[in-house]
Amino acid sequence: LYSNGQMFSIFAYAILSLLMDRTGPVFLSIVGGLFETFGLILLAYVDITNTNENNENDMFSQLPFDVLDFAVSIVGIGSSAIMVHALKLAFLVPTAKFAWV
């Protein structure tokens, strides 16, 4: 699951960087927050339904894919959307003054 989330996070950076140039950091932070929230709620719901003994009425049991993989991918994309606008902050301090920081 970690590899899946990391892969989606890395691949999302290219698309999200282009989206950041067009929409700005505020929009991308909101979208990233929504993706993170949806992914974490989905992870929590799947964990609750997997711990119950009688989950035959679960709405995720009929899906043809693993919901945990989907939820971790959504969390990876959301975390990339939140972090991509902060990449510029590393270049705020000139390299000659790194020792001061």
PDB file of N, CA and C in Angstrom:
ATOM      1  N   LEU A   1       0.819  -1.197   0.000  1.00  0.00           N
ATOM      2  CA  LEU A   1       0.000   0.000   0.000  1.00  0.00           C
ATOM      3  C   LEU A   1       0.864   1.262   0.000  1.00  0.00           C
ATOM      4  N   TYR A   2       1.947   1.239   0.773  1.00  0.00           N
ATOM      5  CA  TYR A   2       2.811   2.418   0.824  1.00  0.00           C
ATOM      6  C   TYR A   2       3.410   2.705  -0.552  1.00  0.00           C
ATOM      7  N   SER A   3       3.846   1.672  -1.246  1.00  0.00           N
ATOM      8  CA  SER A   3       4.431   1.858  -2.582  1.00  0.00           C
ATOM      9  C   SER A   3       3.414   2.440  -3.553  1.00  0.00           C
ATOM     10  N   ASN A   4       2.183   1.997  -3.442  1.00  0.00           N
ATOM     11  CA  ASN A   4       1.124   2.506  -4.309  1.00  0.00           C
ATOM     12  C   ASN A   4       0.879   3.992  -4.036  1.00  0.00           C
ATOM     13  N   GLY A   5       0.754   4.355  -2.790  1.00  0.00           N
ATOM     14  CA  GLY A   5       0.547   5.758  -2.444  1.00  0.00           C
ATOM     15  C   GLY A   5       1.714   6.636  -2.848  1.00  0.00           C
ATOM     16  N   GLN A   6       2.938   6.130  -2.664  1.00  0.00           N
ATOM     17  CA  GLN A   6       4.123   6.890  -3.042  1.00  0.00           C
ATOM     18  C   GLN A   6       4.205   7.058  -4.559  1.00  0.00           C
ATOM     19  N   MET A   7       3.858   6.024  -5.308  1.00  0.00           N
ATOM     20  CA  MET A   7       3.887   6.100  -6.767  1.00  0.00           C
ATOM     21  C   MET A   7       2.895   7.150  -7.272  1.00  0.00           C
ATOM     22  N   PHE A   8       1.681   7.129  -6.736  1.00  0.00           N
ATOM     23  CA  PHE A   8       0.687   8.118  -7.164  1.00  0.00           C
ATOM     24  C   PHE A   8       1.093   9.522  -6.739  1.00  0.00           C
ATOM     25  N   SER A   9       1.739   9.633  -5.604  1.00  0.00           N
ATOM     26  CA  SER A   9       2.203  10.936  -5.140  1.00  0.00           C
ATOM     27  C   SER A   9       3.262  11.506  -6.084  1.00  0.00           C
ATOM     28  N   ILE A  10       4.214  10.678  -6.490  1.00  0.00           N
ATOM     29  CA  ILE A  10       5.283  11.132  -7.385  1.00  0.00           C
ATOM     30  C   ILE A  10       4.726  11.475  -8.766  1.00  0.00           C
ATOM     31  N   PHE A  11       3.859  10.613  -9.309  1.00  0.00           N
ATOM     32  CA  PHE A  11       3.306  10.874 -10.639  1.00  0.00           C
ATOM     33  C   PHE A  11       2.377  12.094 -10.642  1.00  0.00           C
ATOM     34  N   ALA A  12       1.754  12.374  -9.517  1.00  0.00           N
ATOM     35  CA  ALA A  12       0.838  13.510  -9.456  1.00  0.00           C
ATOM     36  C   ALA A  12       1.579  14.844  -9.458  1.00  0.00           C
ATOM     37  N   TYR A  13       2.866  14.844  -9.062  1.00  0.00           N
ATOM     38  CA  TYR A  13       3.610  16.098  -9.015  1.00  0.00           C
ATOM     39  C   TYR A  13       3.667  16.797 -10.371  1.00  0.00           C
ATOM     40  N   ALA A  14       3.830  16.055 -11.443  1.00  0.00           N
ATOM     41  CA  ALA A  14       3.924  16.684 -12.767  1.00  0.00           C
ATOM     42  C   ALA A  14       2.627  17.389 -13.131  1.00  0.00           C
ATOM     43  N   ILE A  15       1.517  16.717 -12.936  1.00  0.00           N
ATOM     44  CA  ILE A  15       0.218  17.306 -13.267  1.00  0.00           C
ATOM     45  C   ILE A  15      -0.105  18.452 -12.317  1.00  0.00           C
ATOM     46  N   LEU A  16       0.182  18.251 -11.042  1.00  0.00           N
ATOM     47  CA  LEU A  16      -0.141  19.288 -10.066  1.00  0.00           C
ATOM     48  C   LEU A  16       0.743  20.519 -10.215  1.00  0.00           C
ATOM     49  N   SER A  17       1.967  20.353 -10.702  1.00  0.00           N
ATOM     50  CA  SER A  17       2.823  21.516 -10.950  1.00  0.00           C
ATOM     51  C   SER A  17       2.251  22.376 -12.066  1.00  0.00           C
ATOM     52  N   LEU A  18       1.773  21.737 -13.116  1.00  0.00           N
ATOM     53  CA  LEU A  18       1.124  22.495 -14.194  1.00  0.00           C
ATOM     54  C   LEU A  18      -0.159  23.163 -13.704  1.00  0.00           C
ATOM     55  N   LEU A  19      -0.913  22.439 -12.886  1.00  0.00           N
ATOM     56  CA  LEU A  19      -2.147  22.996 -12.342  1.00  0.00           C
ATOM     57  C   LEU A  19      -1.871  24.162 -11.406  1.00  0.00           C
ATOM     58  N   MET A  20      -0.763  24.083 -10.686  1.00  0.00           N
ATOM     59  CA  MET A  20      -0.414  25.170  -9.773  1.00  0.00           C
ATOM     60  C   MET A  20      -0.075  26.450 -10.544  1.00  0.00           C
ATOM     61  N   ASP A  21       0.591  26.312 -11.683  1.00  0.00           N
ATOM     62  CA  ASP A  21       0.912  27.491 -12.496  1.00  0.00           C
ATOM     63  C   ASP A  21      -0.343  28.149 -13.041  1.00  0.00           C
ATOM     64  N   ARG A  22      -1.371  27.370 -13.291  1.00  0.00           N
ATOM     65  CA  ARG A  22      -2.602  27.920 -13.870  1.00  0.00           C
ATOM     66  C   ARG A  22      -3.596  28.421 -12.823  1.00  0.00           C
ATOM     67  N   THR A  23      -3.671  27.758 -11.669  1.00  0.00           N
ATOM     68  CA  THR A  23      -4.707  28.111 -10.692  1.00  0.00           C
ATOM     69  C   THR A  23      -4.180  28.821  -9.459  1.00  0.00           C
ATOM     70  N   GLY A  24      -2.975  28.505  -9.040  1.00  0.00           N
ATOM     71  CA  GLY A  24      -2.411  29.142  -7.866  1.00  0.00           C
ATOM     72  C   GLY A  24      -2.401  28.225  -6.655  1.00  0.00           C
ATOM     73  N   PRO A  25      -1.665  28.616  -5.621  1.00  0.00           N
ATOM     74  CA  PRO A  25      -1.492  27.747  -4.455  1.00  0.00           C
ATOM     75  C   PRO A  25      -2.733  27.613  -3.580  1.00  0.00           C
ATOM     76  N   VAL A  26      -3.593  28.603  -3.543  1.00  0.00           N
ATOM     77  CA  VAL A  26      -4.775  28.531  -2.677  1.00  0.00           C
ATOM     78  C   VAL A  26      -5.733  27.454  -3.181  1.00  0.00           C
ATOM     79  N   PHE A  27      -5.990  27.459  -4.475  1.00  0.00           N
ATOM     80  CA  PHE A  27      -6.872  26.452  -5.055  1.00  0.00           C
ATOM     81  C   PHE A  27      -6.300  25.055  -4.870  1.00  0.00           C
ATOM     82  N   LEU A  28      -5.002  24.926  -5.087  1.00  0.00           N
ATOM     83  CA  LEU A  28      -4.366  23.616  -4.951  1.00  0.00           C
ATOM     84  C   LEU A  28      -4.361  23.147  -3.502  1.00  0.00           C
ATOM     85  N   SER A  29      -4.232  24.046  -2.559  1.00  0.00           N
ATOM     86  CA  SER A  29      -4.303  23.662  -1.142  1.00  0.00           C
ATOM     87  C   SER A  29      -5.705  23.188  -0.775  1.00  0.00           C
ATOM     88  N   ILE A  30      -6.709  23.836  -1.307  1.00  0.00           N
ATOM     89  CA  ILE A  30      -8.091  23.419  -1.032  1.00  0.00           C
ATOM     90  C   ILE A  30      -8.362  22.052  -1.646  1.00  0.00           C
ATOM     91  N   VAL A  31      -7.951  21.861  -2.891  1.00  0.00           N
ATOM     92  CA  VAL A  31      -8.147  20.565  -3.552  1.00  0.00           C
ATOM     93  C   VAL A  31      -7.367  19.474  -2.822  1.00  0.00           C
ATOM     94  N   GLY A  32      -6.139  19.775  -2.426  1.00  0.00           N
ATOM     95  CA  GLY A  32      -5.343  18.804  -1.685  1.00  0.00           C
ATOM     96  C   GLY A  32      -5.961  18.455  -0.346  1.00  0.00           C
ATOM     97  N   GLY A  33      -6.498  19.449   0.332  1.00  0.00           N
ATOM     98  CA  GLY A  33      -7.171  19.188   1.602  1.00  0.00           C
ATOM     99  C   GLY A  33      -8.405  18.317   1.432  1.00  0.00           C
ATOM    100  N   LEU A  34      -9.155  18.559   0.363  1.00  0.00           N
ATOM    101  CA  LEU A  34     -10.331  17.729   0.099  1.00  0.00           C
ATOM    102  C   LEU A  34      -9.942  16.285  -0.234  1.00  0.00           C
ATOM    103  N   PHE A  35      -8.897  16.123  -1.043  1.00  0.00           N
ATOM    104  CA  PHE A  35      -8.431  14.781  -1.377  1.00  0.00           C
ATOM    105  C   PHE A  35      -7.939  14.054  -0.124  1.00  0.00           C
ATOM    106  N   GLU A  36      -7.156  14.759   0.707  1.00  0.00           N
ATOM    107  CA  GLU A  36      -6.654  14.156   1.946  1.00  0.00           C
ATOM    108  C   GLU A  36      -7.805  13.742   2.854  1.00  0.00           C
ATOM    109  N   THR A  37      -8.767  14.626   3.025  1.00  0.00           N
ATOM    110  CA  THR A  37      -9.896  14.337   3.909  1.00  0.00           C
ATOM    111  C   THR A  37     -10.701  13.152   3.398  1.00  0.00           C
ATOM    112  N   PHE A  38     -11.010  13.145   2.107  1.00  0.00           N
ATOM    113  CA  PHE A  38     -11.772  12.041   1.536  1.00  0.00           C
ATOM    114  C   PHE A  38     -11.001  10.728   1.653  1.00  0.00           C
ATOM    115  N   GLY A  39      -9.714  10.758   1.364  1.00  0.00           N
ATOM    116  CA  GLY A  39      -8.905   9.544   1.449  1.00  0.00           C
ATOM    117  C   GLY A  39      -8.793   9.003   2.859  1.00  0.00           C
ATOM    118  N   LEU A  40      -8.604   9.881   3.837  1.00  0.00           N
ATOM    119  CA  LEU A  40      -8.485   9.436   5.228  1.00  0.00           C
ATOM    120  C   LEU A  40      -9.816   8.926   5.771  1.00  0.00           C
ATOM    121  N   ILE A  41     -10.919   9.574   5.393  1.00  0.00           N
ATOM    122  CA  ILE A  41     -12.239   9.074   5.805  1.00  0.00           C
ATOM    123  C   ILE A  41     -12.507   7.712   5.179  1.00  0.00           C
ATOM    124  N   LEU A  42     -12.133   7.558   3.921  1.00  0.00           N
ATOM    125  CA  LEU A  42     -12.309   6.273   3.251  1.00  0.00           C
ATOM    126  C   LEU A  42     -11.451   5.182   3.898  1.00  0.00           C
ATOM    127  N   LEU A  43     -10.219   5.529   4.267  1.00  0.00           N
ATOM    128  CA  LEU A  43      -9.368   4.571   4.969  1.00  0.00           C
ATOM    129  C   LEU A  43      -9.981   4.161   6.311  1.00  0.00           C
ATOM    130  N   ALA A  44     -10.507   5.125   7.037  1.00  0.00           N
ATOM    131  CA  ALA A  44     -11.120   4.816   8.328  1.00  0.00           C
ATOM    132  C   ALA A  44     -12.361   3.954   8.158  1.00  0.00           C
ATOM    133  N   TYR A  45     -13.174   4.254   7.160  1.00  0.00           N
ATOM    134  CA  TYR A  45     -14.402   3.483   6.946  1.00  0.00           C
ATOM    135  C   TYR A  45     -14.080   2.045   6.544  1.00  0.00           C
ATOM    136  N   VAL A  46     -13.106   1.882   5.660  1.00  0.00           N
ATOM    137  CA  VAL A  46     -12.731   0.535   5.227  1.00  0.00           C
ATOM    138  C   VAL A  46     -12.144  -0.247   6.397  1.00  0.00           C
ATOM    139  N   ASP A  47     -11.385   0.420   7.258  1.00  0.00           N
ATOM    140  CA  ASP A  47     -10.823  -0.258   8.427  1.00  0.00           C
ATOM    141  C   ASP A  47     -11.923  -0.697   9.388  1.00  0.00           C
ATOM    142  N   ILE A  48     -12.935   0.130   9.574  1.00  0.00           N
ATOM    143  CA  ILE A  48     -14.047  -0.230  10.457  1.00  0.00           C
ATOM    144  C   ILE A  48     -14.830  -1.408   9.888  1.00  0.00           C
ATOM    145  N   THR A  49     -15.092  -1.380   8.579  1.00  0.00           N
ATOM    146  CA  THR A  49     -15.878  -2.471   7.994  1.00  0.00           C
ATOM    147  C   THR A  49     -15.075  -3.764   7.911  1.00  0.00           C
ATOM    148  N   ASN A  50     -13.753  -3.680   7.825  1.00  0.00           N
ATOM    149  CA  ASN A  50     -12.946  -4.900   7.787  1.00  0.00           C
ATOM    150  C   ASN A  50     -12.821  -5.553   9.151  1.00  0.00           C
ATOM    151  N   THR A  51     -13.005  -4.792  10.224  1.00  0.00           N
ATOM    152  CA  THR A  51     -12.901  -5.384  11.559  1.00  0.00           C
ATOM    153  C   THR A  51     -14.218  -6.004  12.014  1.00  0.00           C
ATOM    154  N   ASN A  52     -15.321  -5.688  11.372  1.00  0.00           N
ATOM    155  CA  ASN A  52     -16.606  -6.308  11.724  1.00  0.00           C
ATOM    156  C   ASN A  52     -16.656  -7.736  11.181  1.00  0.00           C
ATOM    157  N   GLU A  53     -17.342  -8.615  11.913  1.00  0.00           N
ATOM    158  CA  GLU A  53     -17.435 -10.012  11.480  1.00  0.00           C
ATOM    159  C   GLU A  53     -18.413 -10.183  10.321  1.00  0.00           C
ATOM    160  N   ASN A  54     -19.531  -9.486  10.377  1.00  0.00           N
ATOM    161  CA  ASN A  54     -20.568  -9.662   9.349  1.00  0.00           C
ATOM    162  C   ASN A  54     -20.592  -8.449   8.430  1.00  0.00           C
ATOM    163  N   ASN A  55     -19.703  -8.436   7.461  1.00  0.00           N
ATOM    164  CA  ASN A  55     -19.645  -7.306   6.530  1.00  0.00           C
ATOM    165  C   ASN A  55     -20.153  -7.698   5.148  1.00  0.00           C
ATOM    166  N   GLU A  56     -21.153  -8.601   5.085  1.00  0.00           N
ATOM    167  CA  GLU A  56     -21.694  -8.973   3.779  1.00  0.00           C
ATOM    168  C   GLU A  56     -22.555  -7.864   3.191  1.00  0.00           C
ATOM    169  N   ASN A  57     -23.032  -6.934   4.011  1.00  0.00           N
ATOM    170  CA  ASN A  57     -23.830  -5.820   3.512  1.00  0.00           C
ATOM    171  C   ASN A  57     -22.988  -4.580   3.247  1.00  0.00           C
ATOM    172  N   ASP A  58     -21.691  -4.742   3.282  1.00  0.00           N
ATOM    173  CA  ASP A  58     -20.790  -3.621   3.047  1.00  0.00           C
ATOM    174  C   ASP A  58     -20.848  -3.211   1.580  1.00  0.00           C
ATOM    175  N   MET A  59     -20.913  -1.899   1.321  1.00  0.00           N
ATOM    176  CA  MET A  59     -21.027  -1.432  -0.057  1.00  0.00           C
ATOM    177  C   MET A  59     -19.716  -1.591  -0.819  1.00  0.00           C
ATOM    178  N   PHE A  60     -18.593  -1.749  -0.122  1.00  0.00           N
ATOM    179  CA  PHE A  60     -17.318  -1.904  -0.800  1.00  0.00           C
ATOM    180  C   PHE A  60     -16.993  -3.353  -1.135  1.00  0.00           C
ATOM    181  N   SER A  61     -17.721  -4.287  -0.602  1.00  0.00           N
ATOM    182  CA  SER A  61     -17.394  -5.697  -0.855  1.00  0.00           C
ATOM    183  C   SER A  61     -17.748  -6.132  -2.276  1.00  0.00           C
ATOM    184  N   GLN A  62     -18.606  -5.401  -2.962  1.00  0.00           N
ATOM    185  CA  GLN A  62     -18.998  -5.756  -4.326  1.00  0.00           C
ATOM    186  C   GLN A  62     -18.123  -5.094  -5.390  1.00  0.00           C
ATOM    187  N   LEU A  63     -17.219  -4.226  -4.997  1.00  0.00           N
ATOM    188  CA  LEU A  63     -16.397  -3.519  -5.981  1.00  0.00           C
ATOM    189  C   LEU A  63     -15.326  -4.435  -6.553  1.00  0.00           C
ATOM    190  N   PRO A  64     -14.972  -4.261  -7.832  1.00  0.00           N
ATOM    191  CA  PRO A  64     -13.976  -5.141  -8.455  1.00  0.00           C
ATOM    192  C   PRO A  64     -12.522  -4.761  -8.159  1.00  0.00           C
ATOM    193  N   PHE A  65     -12.283  -3.768  -7.304  1.00  0.00           N
ATOM    194  CA  PHE A  65     -10.913  -3.365  -6.967  1.00  0.00           C
ATOM    195  C   PHE A  65     -10.798  -3.204  -5.458  1.00  0.00           C
ATOM    196  N   ASP A  66      -9.563  -3.124  -4.995  1.00  0.00           N
ATOM    197  CA  ASP A  66      -9.308  -2.982  -3.569  1.00  0.00           C
ATOM    198  C   ASP A  66      -9.478  -1.522  -3.163  1.00  0.00           C
ATOM    199  N   VAL A  67     -10.345  -1.275  -2.228  1.00  0.00           N
ATOM    200  CA  VAL A  67     -10.637   0.103  -1.817  1.00  0.00           C
ATOM    201  C   VAL A  67      -9.474   0.700  -1.038  1.00  0.00           C
ATOM    202  N   LEU A  68      -8.716  -0.121  -0.332  1.00  0.00           N
ATOM    203  CA  LEU A  68      -7.554   0.400   0.391  1.00  0.00           C
ATOM    204  C   LEU A  68      -6.531   0.995  -0.575  1.00  0.00           C
ATOM    205  N   ASP A  69      -6.291   0.330  -1.699  1.00  0.00           N
ATOM    206  CA  ASP A  69      -5.376   0.886  -2.705  1.00  0.00           C
ATOM    207  C   ASP A  69      -5.887   2.217  -3.229  1.00  0.00           C
ATOM    208  N   PHE A  70      -7.174   2.301  -3.492  1.00  0.00           N
ATOM    209  CA  PHE A  70      -7.768   3.542  -3.981  1.00  0.00           C
ATOM    210  C   PHE A  70      -7.636   4.656  -2.938  1.00  0.00           C
ATOM    211  N   ALA A  71      -7.913   4.338  -1.687  1.00  0.00           N
ATOM    212  CA  ALA A  71      -7.854   5.354  -0.626  1.00  0.00           C
ATOM    213  C   ALA A  71      -6.426   5.850  -0.415  1.00  0.00           C
ATOM    214  N   VAL A  72      -5.458   4.942  -0.444  1.00  0.00           N
ATOM    215  CA  VAL A  72      -4.063   5.355  -0.272  1.00  0.00           C
ATOM    216  C   VAL A  72      -3.600   6.187  -1.469  1.00  0.00           C
ATOM    217  N   SER A  73      -4.082   5.872  -2.652  1.00  0.00           N
ATOM    218  CA  SER A  73      -3.746   6.669  -3.839  1.00  0.00           C
ATOM    219  C   SER A  73      -4.321   8.079  -3.727  1.00  0.00           C
ATOM    220  N   ILE A  74      -5.546   8.184  -3.236  1.00  0.00           N
ATOM    221  CA  ILE A  74      -6.169   9.503  -3.045  1.00  0.00           C
ATOM    222  C   ILE A  74      -5.399  10.311  -2.000  1.00  0.00           C
ATOM    223  N   VAL A  75      -4.960   9.664  -0.941  1.00  0.00           N
ATOM    224  CA  VAL A  75      -4.161  10.354   0.083  1.00  0.00           C
ATOM    225  C   VAL A  75      -2.830  10.807  -0.518  1.00  0.00           C
ATOM    226  N   GLY A  76      -2.209   9.980  -1.359  1.00  0.00           N
ATOM    227  CA  GLY A  76      -0.952  10.365  -1.999  1.00  0.00           C
ATOM    228  C   GLY A  76      -1.106  11.561  -2.918  1.00  0.00           C
ATOM    229  N   ILE A  77      -2.167  11.586  -3.684  1.00  0.00           N
ATOM    230  CA  ILE A  77      -2.412  12.722  -4.577  1.00  0.00           C
ATOM    231  C   ILE A  77      -2.713  13.984  -3.763  1.00  0.00           C
ATOM    232  N   GLY A  78      -3.501  13.832  -2.698  1.00  0.00           N
ATOM    233  CA  GLY A  78      -3.818  14.980  -1.850  1.00  0.00           C
ATOM    234  C   GLY A  78      -2.595  15.547  -1.159  1.00  0.00           C
ATOM    235  N   SER A  79      -1.709  14.678  -0.700  1.00  0.00           N
ATOM    236  CA  SER A  79      -0.506  15.184  -0.032  1.00  0.00           C
ATOM    237  C   SER A  79       0.415  15.885  -1.025  1.00  0.00           C
ATOM    238  N   SER A  80       0.464  15.408  -2.259  1.00  0.00           N
ATOM    239  CA  SER A  80       1.253  16.101  -3.275  1.00  0.00           C
ATOM    240  C   SER A  80       0.669  17.469  -3.588  1.00  0.00           C
ATOM    241  N   ALA A  81      -0.653  17.548  -3.632  1.00  0.00           N
ATOM    242  CA  ALA A  81      -1.294  18.842  -3.912  1.00  0.00           C
ATOM    243  C   ALA A  81      -1.052  19.831  -2.785  1.00  0.00           C
ATOM    244  N   ILE A  82      -0.964  19.340  -1.570  1.00  0.00           N
ATOM    245  CA  ILE A  82      -0.697  20.241  -0.449  1.00  0.00           C
ATOM    246  C   ILE A  82       0.764  20.684  -0.443  1.00  0.00           C
ATOM    247  N   MET A  83       1.677  19.790  -0.812  1.00  0.00           N
ATOM    248  CA  MET A  83       3.107  20.099  -0.704  1.00  0.00           C
ATOM    249  C   MET A  83       3.701  20.784  -1.927  1.00  0.00           C
ATOM    250  N   VAL A  84       3.077  20.685  -3.095  1.00  0.00           N
ATOM    251  CA  VAL A  84       3.716  21.183  -4.309  1.00  0.00           C
ATOM    252  C   VAL A  84       3.908  22.698  -4.278  1.00  0.00           C
ATOM    253  N   HIS A  85       3.037  23.430  -3.633  1.00  0.00           N
ATOM    254  CA  HIS A  85       3.215  24.879  -3.595  1.00  0.00           C
ATOM    255  C   HIS A  85       4.299  25.295  -2.607  1.00  0.00           C
ATOM    256  N   ALA A  86       4.710  24.401  -1.720  1.00  0.00           N
ATOM    257  CA  ALA A  86       5.746  24.729  -0.745  1.00  0.00           C
ATOM    258  C   ALA A  86       7.152  24.433  -1.265  1.00  0.00           C
ATOM    259  N   LEU A  87       7.276  23.861  -2.457  1.00  0.00           N
ATOM    260  CA  LEU A  87       8.599  23.536  -2.981  1.00  0.00           C
ATOM    261  C   LEU A  87       9.439  24.784  -3.237  1.00  0.00           C
ATOM    262  N   LYS A  88       8.788  25.888  -3.546  1.00  0.00           N
ATOM    263  CA  LYS A  88       9.530  27.131  -3.795  1.00  0.00           C
ATOM    264  C   LYS A  88      10.164  27.674  -2.528  1.00  0.00           C
ATOM    265  N   LEU A  89       9.632  27.331  -1.363  1.00  0.00           N
ATOM    266  CA  LEU A  89      10.130  27.890  -0.115  1.00  0.00           C
ATOM    267  C   LEU A  89      11.554  27.456   0.197  1.00  0.00           C
ATOM    268  N   ALA A  90      11.987  26.351  -0.367  1.00  0.00           N
ATOM    269  CA  ALA A  90      13.359  25.897  -0.138  1.00  0.00           C
ATOM    270  C   ALA A  90      14.378  26.832  -0.777  1.00  0.00           C
ATOM    271  N   PHE A  91      13.967  27.613  -1.760  1.00  0.00           N
ATOM    272  CA  PHE A  91      14.885  28.507  -2.454  1.00  0.00           C
ATOM    273  C   PHE A  91      14.791  29.943  -1.943  1.00  0.00           C
ATOM    274  N   LEU A  92      14.095  30.164  -0.834  1.00  0.00           N
ATOM    275  CA  LEU A  92      13.996  31.509  -0.262  1.00  0.00           C
ATOM    276  C   LEU A  92      15.317  31.976   0.320  1.00  0.00           C
ATOM    277  N   VAL A  93      16.020  31.078   0.980  1.00  0.00           N
ATOM    278  CA  VAL A  93      17.287  31.415   1.623  1.00  0.00           C
ATOM    279  C   VAL A  93      18.415  31.126   0.629  1.00  0.00           C
ATOM    280  N   PRO A  94      19.282  32.090   0.369  1.00  0.00           N
ATOM    281  CA  PRO A  94      20.399  31.817  -0.524  1.00  0.00           C
ATOM    282  C   PRO A  94      21.329  30.751   0.070  1.00  0.00           C
ATOM    283  N   THR A  95      21.976  29.999  -0.796  1.00  0.00           N
ATOM    284  CA  THR A  95      22.826  28.901  -0.313  1.00  0.00           C
ATOM    285  C   THR A  95      23.987  29.403   0.540  1.00  0.00           C
ATOM    286  N   ALA A  96      24.431  30.621   0.333  1.00  0.00           N
ATOM    287  CA  ALA A  96      25.538  31.157   1.135  1.00  0.00           C
ATOM    288  C   ALA A  96      25.117  31.378   2.582  1.00  0.00           C
ATOM    289  N   LYS A  97      23.812  31.493   2.852  1.00  0.00           N
ATOM    290  CA  LYS A  97      23.346  31.753   4.209  1.00  0.00           C
ATOM    291  C   LYS A  97      22.681  30.531   4.844  1.00  0.00           C
ATOM    292  N   PHE A  98      22.908  29.335   4.289  1.00  0.00           N
ATOM    293  CA  PHE A  98      22.332  28.122   4.867  1.00  0.00           C
ATOM    294  C   PHE A  98      22.833  27.881   6.283  1.00  0.00           C
ATOM    295  N   ALA A  99      24.054  28.265   6.582  1.00  0.00           N
ATOM    296  CA  ALA A  99      24.609  28.037   7.925  1.00  0.00           C
ATOM    297  C   ALA A  99      23.871  28.877   8.964  1.00  0.00           C
ATOM    298  N   TRP A 100      23.320  30.001   8.591  1.00  0.00           N
ATOM    299  CA  TRP A 100      22.580  30.833   9.530  1.00  0.00           C
ATOM    300  C   TRP A 100      21.252  30.212   9.898  1.00  0.00           C
ATOM    301  N   VAL A 101      20.675  29.437   8.994  1.00  0.00           N
ATOM    302  CA  VAL A 101      19.375  28.835   9.221  1.00  0.00           C
ATOM    303  C   VAL A 101      19.558  27.571   9.939  1.00  0.00           C
TER     304      VAL A 101
END
